[in-house]
Protein backbone atom coordinates (compact mmCIF):
# COMPACT_ATOMS: atom_id res chain seq x y z
CA UNK A 1 82.84 101.09 68.98
CA UNK A 2 81.38 98.80 71.19
CA UNK A 3 78.27 96.34 70.96
CA UNK A 4 75.12 98.52 70.88
CA UNK A 5 76.98 101.63 69.12
CA UNK A 6 78.63 103.32 72.23
CA UNK A 7 82.11 104.20 72.28
CA UNK A 8 84.45 102.15 73.88
CA UNK A 9 86.48 103.82 76.55
CA UNK A 10 90.14 103.09 77.21
CA UNK A 11 90.60 101.70 80.51
CA UNK A 12 92.23 103.95 83.19
CA UNK A 13 95.44 102.97 85.07
CA UNK A 14 95.99 102.91 88.46
CA UNK A 15 99.69 102.53 89.77
CA UNK A 16 100.50 101.39 93.16
CA UNK A 17 103.95 101.39 94.91
CA UNK A 18 104.53 97.79 96.76
CA UNK A 19 106.57 98.64 100.09
CA UNK A 20 105.07 100.40 102.92
CA UNK A 21 101.92 101.22 100.63
CA UNK A 22 100.21 97.76 99.54
CA UNK A 23 102.08 95.85 102.28
CA UNK A 24 103.82 96.75 105.31
CA UNK A 25 107.66 96.11 104.28
CA UNK A 26 109.12 97.76 107.51
CA UNK A 27 107.08 95.18 109.57
CA UNK A 28 107.81 92.26 107.42
CA UNK A 29 111.77 93.62 107.88
CA UNK A 30 111.15 93.56 111.53
CA UNK A 31 110.00 89.94 111.59
CA UNK A 32 112.66 88.62 109.23
CA UNK A 33 115.21 90.66 111.78
CA UNK A 34 113.94 88.87 114.70
CA UNK A 35 114.00 85.15 113.07
CA UNK A 36 117.63 85.74 111.44
CA UNK A 37 119.21 87.18 114.53
CA UNK A 38 117.68 84.48 116.38
CA UNK A 39 119.08 82.02 113.80
CA UNK A 40 122.40 83.43 114.05
CA UNK A 41 122.54 83.86 117.75
CA UNK A 42 122.67 87.51 117.69
CA UNK A 43 120.06 88.29 120.27
CA UNK A 44 117.54 91.34 120.73
CA UNK A 45 120.73 93.67 120.20
CA UNK A 46 121.03 92.19 116.61
CA UNK A 47 117.65 93.01 115.80
CA UNK A 48 117.83 96.67 117.20
CA UNK A 49 121.32 97.11 115.34
CA UNK A 50 119.61 95.61 112.00
CA UNK A 51 116.55 97.64 112.07
CA UNK A 52 118.67 100.80 112.70
CA UNK A 53 120.94 100.30 109.90
CA UNK A 54 118.58 99.12 107.29
CA UNK A 55 117.44 102.68 106.68
CA UNK A 56 113.70 101.72 105.74
CA UNK A 57 114.98 99.54 103.07
CA UNK A 58 116.83 102.02 101.01
CA UNK A 59 120.36 101.31 102.11
CA UNK A 60 121.95 99.05 99.59
CA UNK A 61 121.51 95.16 100.62
CA UNK A 62 125.16 94.37 99.55
CA UNK A 63 126.23 97.49 102.19
CA UNK A 64 123.87 96.29 104.79
CA UNK A 65 125.30 92.82 104.91
CA UNK A 66 128.89 94.03 104.80
CA UNK A 67 128.27 96.24 107.76
CA UNK A 68 126.54 93.32 109.43
CA UNK A 69 129.20 90.88 108.34
CA UNK A 70 131.91 93.01 110.05
CA UNK A 71 129.83 94.12 113.22
CA UNK A 72 128.94 90.35 114.09
CA UNK A 73 131.90 88.39 112.66
CA UNK A 74 129.79 86.18 110.19
CA UNK A 75 131.60 84.05 107.85
CA UNK A 76 129.46 83.87 105.06
CA UNK A 77 130.18 85.91 102.02
CA UNK A 78 128.26 89.32 101.73
CA UNK A 79 126.86 87.88 98.02
CA UNK A 80 125.59 84.75 99.71
CA UNK A 81 123.81 86.73 102.66
CA UNK A 82 122.43 89.09 100.09
CA UNK A 83 120.82 86.07 98.06
CA UNK A 84 119.56 84.44 100.96
CA UNK A 85 117.95 87.61 102.10
CA UNK A 86 116.10 88.26 98.73
CA UNK A 87 114.26 84.74 99.19
CA UNK A 88 113.80 84.72 102.94
CA UNK A 89 112.67 88.50 103.55
CA UNK A 90 109.22 88.16 101.09
CA UNK A 91 108.38 85.19 103.42
CA UNK A 92 107.82 87.45 106.18
CA UNK A 93 105.57 89.87 104.45
CA UNK A 94 101.66 90.20 104.59
CA UNK A 95 98.72 91.98 103.03
CA UNK A 96 95.49 93.13 104.67
CA UNK A 97 92.41 91.18 103.11
CA UNK A 98 90.97 94.65 102.73
CA UNK A 99 93.79 95.80 100.52
CA UNK A 100 93.22 92.82 98.23
CA UNK A 101 89.66 93.49 98.27
CA UNK A 102 90.21 97.14 97.26
CA UNK A 103 92.24 96.19 94.30
CA UNK A 104 89.91 93.59 93.32
CA UNK A 105 87.04 96.27 93.48
CA UNK A 106 89.26 98.82 91.42
CA UNK A 107 89.50 96.00 88.52
CA UNK A 108 85.57 94.85 88.84
CA UNK A 109 84.72 98.84 87.94
CA UNK A 110 87.02 98.58 84.69
CA UNK A 111 90.53 100.17 86.32
CA UNK A 112 93.79 98.40 85.31
CA UNK A 113 96.29 97.94 88.02
CA UNK A 114 99.93 98.00 87.94
CA UNK A 115 102.42 97.80 90.81
CA UNK A 116 105.20 100.06 89.94
CA UNK A 117 107.89 99.16 92.42
CA UNK A 118 112.05 100.14 92.99
CA UNK A 119 113.71 97.10 94.04
CA UNK A 120 115.09 93.94 93.04
CA UNK A 121 113.34 91.40 90.75
CA UNK A 122 113.52 88.15 93.21
CA UNK A 123 112.80 89.67 96.11
CA UNK A 124 109.75 91.84 94.88
CA UNK A 125 108.55 89.02 92.48
CA UNK A 126 108.16 86.77 95.67
CA UNK A 127 106.52 89.33 97.76
CA UNK A 128 103.82 89.83 94.85
CA UNK A 129 103.10 86.09 94.78
CA UNK A 130 103.28 85.13 98.62
CA UNK A 131 101.22 88.11 99.65
CA UNK A 132 98.68 86.95 96.67
CA UNK A 133 98.86 90.62 95.56
CA UNK A 134 99.94 89.25 92.21
CA UNK A 135 96.44 87.51 91.79
CA UNK A 136 94.68 90.85 91.92
CA UNK A 137 96.90 93.16 89.62
CA UNK A 138 97.28 93.31 85.76
CA UNK A 139 100.93 94.06 85.63
CA UNK A 140 104.21 94.28 87.89
CA UNK A 141 106.90 96.69 87.09
CA UNK A 142 109.75 95.97 88.95
CA UNK A 143 112.61 98.41 88.38
CA UNK A 144 115.55 95.72 88.03
CA UNK A 145 113.41 93.97 85.63
CA UNK A 146 112.65 96.86 83.37
CA UNK A 147 116.01 98.89 84.05
CA UNK A 148 114.24 102.16 85.21
CA UNK A 149 113.53 103.66 88.38
CA UNK A 150 110.69 105.74 90.04
CA UNK A 151 110.51 108.86 89.65
CA UNK A 152 111.29 108.54 85.87
CA UNK A 153 108.34 108.93 83.85
CA UNK A 154 109.23 106.10 81.67
CA UNK A 155 108.60 103.15 84.13
CA UNK A 156 104.81 104.78 84.50
CA UNK A 157 104.94 104.57 80.57
CA UNK A 158 105.82 101.26 80.71
CA UNK A 159 103.23 100.28 83.28
CA UNK A 160 100.54 102.02 80.61
CA UNK A 161 101.72 100.04 77.90
CA UNK A 162 101.95 96.88 79.49
CA UNK A 163 98.18 97.14 80.75
CA UNK A 164 96.95 98.57 77.36
CA UNK A 165 96.22 101.95 78.91
CA UNK A 166 97.29 105.51 78.94
CA UNK A 167 98.84 107.82 81.66
CA UNK A 168 95.59 110.20 80.98
CA UNK A 169 93.35 110.35 84.07
CA UNK A 170 95.35 108.03 85.84
CA UNK A 171 96.51 107.45 89.50
CA UNK A 172 99.75 107.02 91.30
CA UNK A 173 99.79 105.58 95.02
CA UNK A 174 102.59 105.69 97.18
CA UNK A 175 104.33 106.60 100.31
CA UNK A 176 107.58 107.98 99.28
CA UNK A 177 107.54 111.81 98.24
CA UNK A 178 110.39 111.67 96.14
CA UNK A 179 110.14 108.52 94.41
CA UNK A 180 106.13 108.04 94.28
CA UNK A 181 104.56 111.38 94.17
CA UNK A 182 107.16 113.03 91.91
CA UNK A 183 107.42 110.18 89.70
CA UNK A 184 103.48 110.30 89.44
CA UNK A 185 103.36 114.06 88.77
CA UNK A 186 106.02 113.69 86.26
CA UNK A 187 103.95 111.34 84.56
CA UNK A 188 100.93 113.42 84.75
CA UNK A 189 99.06 111.41 87.04
CA UNK A 190 96.72 112.24 89.96
CA UNK A 191 98.66 111.19 93.23
CA UNK A 192 97.87 109.78 96.65
CA UNK A 193 100.57 109.77 99.47
CA UNK A 194 100.02 106.75 102.16
CA UNK A 195 101.66 107.64 105.34
CA UNK A 196 103.44 110.92 106.60
CA UNK A 197 106.98 110.29 105.18
CA UNK A 198 108.48 113.90 104.70
CA UNK A 199 111.17 114.61 102.14
CA UNK A 200 112.64 118.38 101.69
CA UNK A 201 111.44 120.16 98.27
CA UNK A 202 109.38 116.97 97.54
CA UNK A 203 106.19 117.81 95.74
CA UNK A 204 102.81 117.74 97.59
CA UNK A 205 100.51 114.94 96.50
CA UNK A 206 96.75 115.90 95.66
CA UNK A 207 95.58 113.53 98.73
CA UNK A 208 97.29 112.28 101.78
CA UNK A 209 95.99 109.65 103.88
CA UNK A 210 97.16 107.29 106.68
CA UNK A 211 95.66 104.10 105.46
CA UNK A 212 95.50 102.81 101.84
CA UNK A 213 92.11 101.79 102.68
CA UNK A 214 91.15 105.40 102.26
CA UNK A 215 92.35 105.75 98.82
CA UNK A 216 90.41 103.24 97.27
CA UNK A 217 86.80 105.30 97.42
CA UNK A 218 88.83 108.39 95.99
CA UNK A 219 89.88 106.59 93.22
CA UNK A 220 86.56 104.79 92.35
CA UNK A 221 84.94 108.20 92.60
CA UNK A 222 87.53 109.72 90.29
């Protein structure tokens, strides 16, 4: 019971993907690629090659830098290139103020917010800190840290546990149908897809918007 005799409601959960949902991951990669190619004397052709072989971040970093090492004759070991990338790439990420404001509005309305992201601990944590997204959420669930990846339902259960919520009447917002939307549906969450990424045989979200700014009012009204 809450003060005044009313029933205290359990806070509800909103899970957000990070890359290409809250932040423009591909834009940040392009910024990094331009800086890195210039630093290594690879020119614009090097930038184009990196973007073409990045596969939107889904190519494993060790594989990407092994290919890069071979293609451009780099002397640095692959593990050093990957480690440097994990600390460099986040510095090229940014977040729109409207996104931070939208997250703050959700929290002010009583929602608990978790970022649920597949990725490495170092890189994803630095992105959250550098963009200040970490300041306006309740918990960050990074797959490498917790040992579970989307679309596994367990990663959403961890987010609920760490935010003091349940999955009931919660939301999952993300750009990838097979990871974010399929995972959210498996966890019993309402779903919103950001962008128009298409994956054959992947489930359809409850809502689809071209901008995350359009998702906040829908969640607040839910």
